[in-house]
Amino acid sequence: MARPKRSATSPTLKVLDFMSTLSRTICGMSMLQRLDAADVLPAAAELRARTYELLRLEPGSAVIDVGCGAGPAVSELSWLGFRAVGVDLSAEMLEEARRRSPDRDFLIGDAYALPVDGGFAGYRADKVFHELAEPEVALAEARRVLVPGGRGAGDRFLRSGADPGDRARAGFGDHRTPDRAGIPTAARRKRVS
């Protein structure tokens, strides 16, 4: 059976051409350029704002942004009146974060062993947990740095297939909650004891 001919202006060909162009463009971009391009999208800004709301922080509260990249959330959280600290594995990303926001705190480290003692009312991890081989270890570390009643939020938690109560708590919510409802979907593969 012969395939129907499509004109060069058909919607299907336009979409395929756009996707091909987009793929070539993205392939030529650095990680920083890709993150910057994504961060300016309206949906990304809305998601960041929603994670800030879900943390329910009091003015002046300390919040840690794990996987901060070039630091847009750290800058936004600081501007909103919180004491924000950014942590990332990439020295290149942190160098750029410090260049963009020299008056903000950025530390090199990873989600499994954060380079801080604790005392944070909020823990934010955007685009982090789905990349981790052992999310339950990072979750335990998040709980270690949070003060009693501290809360966590991130895009992975918001998009999880968890029950509505989990989504309302942005994943692990009050870190004192010992039940299953307090563990993001990614971490449920290996339950934290």
C-alpha atoms as a PDB file:
ATOM      1  CA  MET A   1       0.000   0.000   0.000  1.00  0.00           C
ATOM      2  CA  ALA A   2       1.433   3.359  -0.982  1.00  0.00           C
ATOM      3  CA  ARG A   3       1.752   6.107   1.568  1.00  0.00           C
ATOM      4  CA  PRO A   4      -0.229   9.234   0.839  1.00  0.00           C
ATOM      5  CA  LYS A   5       1.824  12.163  -0.338  1.00  0.00           C
ATOM      6  CA  ARG A   6       1.948  15.093   2.019  1.00  0.00           C
ATOM      7  CA  SER A   7       2.533  18.642   1.004  1.00  0.00           C
ATOM      8  CA  ALA A   8       5.567  20.470   2.363  1.00  0.00           C
ATOM      9  CA  THR A   9       3.191  22.629   4.376  1.00  0.00           C
ATOM     10  CA  SER A  10       1.321  19.804   6.116  1.00  0.00           C
ATOM     11  CA  PRO A  11       1.135  20.078   9.926  1.00  0.00           C
ATOM     12  CA  THR A  12       2.927  16.744  10.340  1.00  0.00           C
ATOM     13  CA  LEU A  13       5.921  17.814   8.260  1.00  0.00           C
ATOM     14  CA  LYS A  14       6.078  21.182  10.018  1.00  0.00           C
ATOM     15  CA  VAL A  15       6.200  19.461  13.410  1.00  0.00           C
ATOM     16  CA  LEU A  16       8.833  16.984  12.238  1.00  0.00           C
ATOM     17  CA  ASP A  17      10.921  19.817  10.789  1.00  0.00           C
ATOM     18  CA  PHE A  18      10.596  21.795  14.035  1.00  0.00           C
ATOM     19  CA  MET A  19      11.606  18.758  16.127  1.00  0.00           C
ATOM     20  CA  SER A  20      14.581  18.099  13.866  1.00  0.00           C
ATOM     21  CA  THR A  21      15.680  21.728  14.121  1.00  0.00           C
ATOM     22  CA  LEU A  22      15.141  21.719  17.878  1.00  0.00           C
ATOM     23  CA  SER A  23      17.182  18.539  18.292  1.00  0.00           C
ATOM     24  CA  ARG A  24      20.074  19.987  16.276  1.00  0.00           C
ATOM     25  CA  THR A  25      19.920  23.220  18.291  1.00  0.00           C
ATOM     26  CA  ILE A  26      19.844  21.493  21.681  1.00  0.00           C
ATOM     27  CA  CYS A  27      22.685  19.145  20.734  1.00  0.00           C
ATOM     28  CA  GLY A  28      24.898  22.161  20.100  1.00  0.00           C
ATOM     29  CA  MET A  29      24.109  23.762  23.460  1.00  0.00           C
ATOM     30  CA  SER A  30      26.026  23.361  26.683  1.00  0.00           C
ATOM     31  CA  MET A  31      24.245  22.073  29.780  1.00  0.00           C
ATOM     32  CA  LEU A  32      24.191  25.625  31.143  1.00  0.00           C
ATOM     33  CA  GLN A  33      22.607  26.934  27.917  1.00  0.00           C
ATOM     34  CA  ARG A  34      19.966  24.178  27.993  1.00  0.00           C
ATOM     35  CA  LEU A  35      19.124  24.904  31.640  1.00  0.00           C
ATOM     36  CA  ASP A  36      18.943  28.649  30.972  1.00  0.00           C
ATOM     37  CA  ALA A  37      16.635  28.030  28.006  1.00  0.00           C
ATOM     38  CA  ALA A  38      14.372  25.831  30.121  1.00  0.00           C
ATOM     39  CA  ASP A  39      14.399  28.180  33.131  1.00  0.00           C
ATOM     40  CA  VAL A  40      12.877  31.065  31.183  1.00  0.00           C
ATOM     41  CA  LEU A  41       9.879  29.050  30.012  1.00  0.00           C
ATOM     42  CA  PRO A  42       6.660  30.158  31.743  1.00  0.00           C
ATOM     43  CA  ALA A  43       5.960  26.640  33.002  1.00  0.00           C
ATOM     44  CA  ALA A  44       9.407  26.447  34.642  1.00  0.00           C
ATOM     45  CA  ALA A  45       8.922  29.764  36.428  1.00  0.00           C
ATOM     46  CA  GLU A  46       5.461  28.638  37.578  1.00  0.00           C
ATOM     47  CA  LEU A  47       6.869  25.350  38.869  1.00  0.00           C
ATOM     48  CA  ARG A  48       9.644  27.122  40.801  1.00  0.00           C
ATOM     49  CA  ALA A  49       7.094  29.499  42.317  1.00  0.00           C
ATOM     50  CA  ARG A  50       4.873  26.568  43.293  1.00  0.00           C
ATOM     51  CA  THR A  51       7.757  24.826  45.065  1.00  0.00           C
ATOM     52  CA  TYR A  52       8.417  28.024  47.034  1.00  0.00           C
ATOM     53  CA  GLU A  53       4.747  28.147  48.096  1.00  0.00           C
ATOM     54  CA  LEU A  54       4.738  24.495  49.126  1.00  0.00           C
ATOM     55  CA  LEU A  55       7.715  25.012  51.419  1.00  0.00           C
ATOM     56  CA  ARG A  56       5.539  27.368  53.512  1.00  0.00           C
ATOM     57  CA  LEU A  57       8.581  29.209  54.813  1.00  0.00           C
ATOM     58  CA  GLU A  58       8.439  32.022  57.321  1.00  0.00           C
ATOM     59  CA  PRO A  59      10.270  35.231  56.321  1.00  0.00           C
ATOM     60  CA  GLY A  60      13.993  34.897  57.043  1.00  0.00           C
ATOM     61  CA  SER A  61      13.906  31.071  57.097  1.00  0.00           C
ATOM     62  CA  ALA A  62      16.880  29.102  55.831  1.00  0.00           C
ATOM     63  CA  VAL A  63      16.321  27.017  52.690  1.00  0.00           C
ATOM     64  CA  ILE A  64      18.733  24.764  50.792  1.00  0.00           C
ATOM     65  CA  ASP A  65      18.416  24.312  47.011  1.00  0.00           C
ATOM     66  CA  VAL A  66      20.043  20.997  46.077  1.00  0.00           C
ATOM     67  CA  GLY A  67      21.101  20.744  42.437  1.00  0.00           C
ATOM     68  CA  CYS A  68      20.968  24.535  42.161  1.00  0.00           C
ATOM     69  CA  GLY A  69      22.775  24.771  38.814  1.00  0.00           C
ATOM     70  CA  ALA A  70      23.450  28.420  37.951  1.00  0.00           C
ATOM     71  CA  GLY A  71      21.362  29.493  40.929  1.00  0.00           C
ATOM     72  CA  PRO A  72      18.099  30.998  39.636  1.00  0.00           C
ATOM     73  CA  ALA A  73      16.047  29.588  42.520  1.00  0.00           C
ATOM     74  CA  VAL A  74      18.633  30.668  45.100  1.00  0.00           C
ATOM     75  CA  SER A  75      18.432  34.213  43.755  1.00  0.00           C
ATOM     76  CA  GLU A  76      14.631  34.167  43.672  1.00  0.00           C
ATOM     77  CA  LEU A  77      14.347  32.730  47.178  1.00  0.00           C
ATOM     78  CA  SER A  78      16.816  35.310  48.506  1.00  0.00           C
ATOM     79  CA  TRP A  79      14.873  38.090  46.795  1.00  0.00           C
ATOM     80  CA  LEU A  80      11.722  36.767  48.516  1.00  0.00           C
ATOM     81  CA  GLY A  81      13.409  37.229  51.908  1.00  0.00           C
ATOM     82  CA  PHE A  82      14.716  33.743  52.684  1.00  0.00           C
ATOM     83  CA  ARG A  83      18.281  32.761  53.583  1.00  0.00           C
ATOM     84  CA  ALA A  84      18.988  30.531  50.581  1.00  0.00           C
ATOM     85  CA  VAL A  85      22.008  28.270  50.063  1.00  0.00           C
ATOM     86  CA  GLY A  86      22.651  26.519  46.752  1.00  0.00           C
ATOM     87  CA  VAL A  87      24.429  23.172  46.436  1.00  0.00           C
ATOM     88  CA  ASP A  88      25.540  21.546  43.195  1.00  0.00           C
ATOM     89  CA  LEU A  89      27.997  18.860  42.045  1.00  0.00           C
ATOM     90  CA  SER A  90      29.254  20.925  39.133  1.00  0.00           C
ATOM     91  CA  ALA A  91      32.059  23.392  39.782  1.00  0.00           C
ATOM     92  CA  GLU A  92      31.263  24.957  36.396  1.00  0.00           C
ATOM     93  CA  MET A  93      27.646  25.582  37.377  1.00  0.00           C
ATOM     94  CA  LEU A  94      28.658  27.023  40.743  1.00  0.00           C
ATOM     95  CA  GLU A  95      31.226  29.288  39.095  1.00  0.00           C
ATOM     96  CA  GLU A  96      28.455  30.661  36.893  1.00  0.00           C
ATOM     97  CA  ALA A  97      26.066  30.942  39.864  1.00  0.00           C
ATOM     98  CA  ARG A  98      28.662  32.972  41.783  1.00  0.00           C
ATOM     99  CA  ARG A  99      29.281  35.171  38.736  1.00  0.00           C
ATOM    100  CA  ARG A 100      25.563  35.873  38.362  1.00  0.00           C
ATOM    101  CA  SER A 101      24.862  36.287  42.089  1.00  0.00           C
ATOM    102  CA  PRO A 102      28.101  37.081  43.927  1.00  0.00           C
ATOM    103  CA  ASP A 103      26.275  37.947  47.154  1.00  0.00           C
ATOM    104  CA  ARG A 104      24.579  34.506  47.444  1.00  0.00           C
ATOM    105  CA  ASP A 105      25.853  31.319  49.122  1.00  0.00           C
ATOM    106  CA  PHE A 106      26.806  28.424  46.850  1.00  0.00           C
ATOM    107  CA  LEU A 107      28.554  25.217  47.953  1.00  0.00           C
ATOM    108  CA  ILE A 108      29.896  22.245  46.044  1.00  0.00           C
ATOM    109  CA  GLY A 109      28.362  18.984  47.179  1.00  0.00           C
ATOM    110  CA  ASP A 110      25.847  16.304  46.373  1.00  0.00           C
ATOM    111  CA  ALA A 111      22.434  15.189  47.553  1.00  0.00           C
ATOM    112  CA  TYR A 112      23.874  12.150  49.360  1.00  0.00           C
ATOM    113  CA  ALA A 113      26.206  14.129  51.655  1.00  0.00           C
ATOM    114  CA  LEU A 114      25.302  17.793  51.869  1.00  0.00           C
ATOM    115  CA  PRO A 115      28.148  20.096  52.980  1.00  0.00           C
ATOM    116  CA  VAL A 116      26.066  21.672  55.764  1.00  0.00           C
ATOM    117  CA  ASP A 117      25.306  20.844  59.378  1.00  0.00           C
ATOM    118  CA  GLY A 118      21.565  21.397  59.187  1.00  0.00           C
ATOM    119  CA  GLY A 119      19.178  24.019  60.466  1.00  0.00           C
ATOM    120  CA  PHE A 120      17.125  24.414  57.283  1.00  0.00           C
ATOM    121  CA  ALA A 121      13.376  25.020  57.346  1.00  0.00           C
ATOM    122  CA  GLY A 122      13.149  24.214  53.625  1.00  0.00           C
ATOM    123  CA  TYR A 123      14.767  21.729  51.229  1.00  0.00           C
ATOM    124  CA  ARG A 124      14.278  22.178  47.490  1.00  0.00           C
ATOM    125  CA  ALA A 125      15.470  19.702  44.858  1.00  0.00           C
ATOM    126  CA  ASP A 126      14.384  20.484  41.304  1.00  0.00           C
ATOM    127  CA  LYS A 127      15.260  17.905  38.631  1.00  0.00           C
ATOM    128  CA  VAL A 128      17.375  15.905  41.083  1.00  0.00           C
ATOM    129  CA  PHE A 129      15.673  12.833  42.593  1.00  0.00           C
ATOM    130  CA  HIS A 130      14.848  11.191  39.255  1.00  0.00           C
ATOM    131  CA  GLU A 131      18.581  11.228  38.431  1.00  0.00           C
ATOM    132  CA  LEU A 132      19.718   9.539  41.653  1.00  0.00           C
ATOM    133  CA  ALA A 133      20.665   5.871  41.870  1.00  0.00           C
ATOM    134  CA  GLU A 134      19.755   5.838  45.578  1.00  0.00           C
ATOM    135  CA  PRO A 135      17.068   8.460  46.173  1.00  0.00           C
ATOM    136  CA  GLU A 136      16.343   7.057  49.621  1.00  0.00           C
ATOM    137  CA  VAL A 137      19.861   8.035  50.735  1.00  0.00           C
ATOM    138  CA  ALA A 138      19.321  11.579  49.496  1.00  0.00           C
ATOM    139  CA  LEU A 139      15.943  11.653  51.233  1.00  0.00           C
ATOM    140  CA  ALA A 140      17.569  10.640  54.527  1.00  0.00           C
ATOM    141  CA  GLU A 141      20.132  13.396  53.992  1.00  0.00           C
ATOM    142  CA  ALA A 142      17.332  15.900  53.340  1.00  0.00           C
ATOM    143  CA  ARG A 143      15.745  14.893  56.606  1.00  0.00           C
ATOM    144  CA  ARG A 144      19.080  15.279  58.385  1.00  0.00           C
ATOM    145  CA  VAL A 145      19.477  18.929  57.360  1.00  0.00           C
ATOM    146  CA  LEU A 146      15.853  19.913  57.981  1.00  0.00           C
ATOM    147  CA  VAL A 147      14.757  21.301  61.334  1.00  0.00           C
ATOM    148  CA  PRO A 148      11.782  19.588  63.015  1.00  0.00           C
ATOM    149  CA  GLY A 149       8.753  20.569  60.964  1.00  0.00           C
ATOM    150  CA  GLY A 150      10.923  21.475  57.946  1.00  0.00           C
ATOM    151  CA  ARG A 151       9.504  20.834  54.492  1.00  0.00           C
ATOM    152  CA  GLY A 152      10.790  19.712  51.112  1.00  0.00           C
ATOM    153  CA  ALA A 153       9.629  20.449  47.584  1.00  0.00           C
ATOM    154  CA  GLY A 154      10.705  19.864  44.002  1.00  0.00           C
ATOM    155  CA  ASP A 155       9.406  19.123  40.537  1.00  0.00           C
ATOM    156  CA  ARG A 156       9.845  15.357  40.914  1.00  0.00           C
ATOM    157  CA  PHE A 157       7.596  15.355  43.951  1.00  0.00           C
ATOM    158  CA  LEU A 158       4.948  17.497  42.290  1.00  0.00           C
ATOM    159  CA  ARG A 159       4.787  15.303  39.194  1.00  0.00           C
ATOM    160  CA  SER A 160       4.907  11.990  41.045  1.00  0.00           C
ATOM    161  CA  GLY A 161       2.166   9.435  40.703  1.00  0.00           C
ATOM    162  CA  ALA A 162       1.664   9.592  44.454  1.00  0.00           C
ATOM    163  CA  ASP A 163      -1.703  10.073  46.098  1.00  0.00           C
ATOM    164  CA  PRO A 164      -3.094  13.636  46.311  1.00  0.00           C
ATOM    165  CA  GLY A 165      -1.991  13.950  49.943  1.00  0.00           C
ATOM    166  CA  ASP A 166       1.605  13.332  48.874  1.00  0.00           C
ATOM    167  CA  ARG A 167       1.374  15.946  46.140  1.00  0.00           C
ATOM    168  CA  ALA A 168      -0.131  18.447  48.568  1.00  0.00           C
ATOM    169  CA  ARG A 169       2.888  17.926  50.825  1.00  0.00           C
ATOM    170  CA  ALA A 170       5.220  18.283  47.801  1.00  0.00           C
ATOM    171  CA  GLY A 171       6.713  14.853  48.302  1.00  0.00           C
ATOM    172  CA  PHE A 172       7.969  14.496  51.806  1.00  0.00           C
ATOM    173  CA  GLY A 173       6.422  17.457  53.558  1.00  0.00           C
ATOM    174  CA  ASP A 174       6.971  17.474  57.292  1.00  0.00           C
ATOM    175  CA  HIS A 175      10.121  15.376  57.642  1.00  0.00           C
ATOM    176  CA  ARG A 176       8.958  13.949  60.973  1.00  0.00           C
ATOM    177  CA  THR A 177       6.176  11.989  59.263  1.00  0.00           C
ATOM    178  CA  PRO A 178       7.282   8.339  59.513  1.00  0.00           C
ATOM    179  CA  ASP A 179       4.669   6.782  57.236  1.00  0.00           C
ATOM    180  CA  ARG A 180       4.768   5.943  53.556  1.00  0.00           C
ATOM    181  CA  ALA A 181       2.992   9.196  52.688  1.00  0.00           C
ATOM    182  CA  GLY A 182       6.163  11.044  53.539  1.00  0.00           C
ATOM    183  CA  ILE A 183       8.362   9.402  50.902  1.00  0.00           C
ATOM    184  CA  PRO A 184       8.481  10.511  47.244  1.00  0.00           C
ATOM    185  CA  THR A 185       7.648   7.966  44.574  1.00  0.00           C
ATOM    186  CA  ALA A 186      11.291   7.697  43.494  1.00  0.00           C
ATOM    187  CA  ALA A 187      12.359   6.795  47.004  1.00  0.00           C
ATOM    188  CA  ARG A 188       9.645   4.200  47.505  1.00  0.00           C
ATOM    189  CA  ARG A 189      11.597   1.621  45.548  1.00  0.00           C
ATOM    190  CA  LYS A 190      13.709   1.087  48.647  1.00  0.00           C
ATOM    191  CA  ARG A 191      11.799   2.161  51.705  1.00  0.00           C
ATOM    192  CA  VAL A 192      13.722   4.242  54.231  1.00  0.00           C
ATOM    193  CA  SER A 193      13.526   2.518  57.610  1.00  0.00           C
END
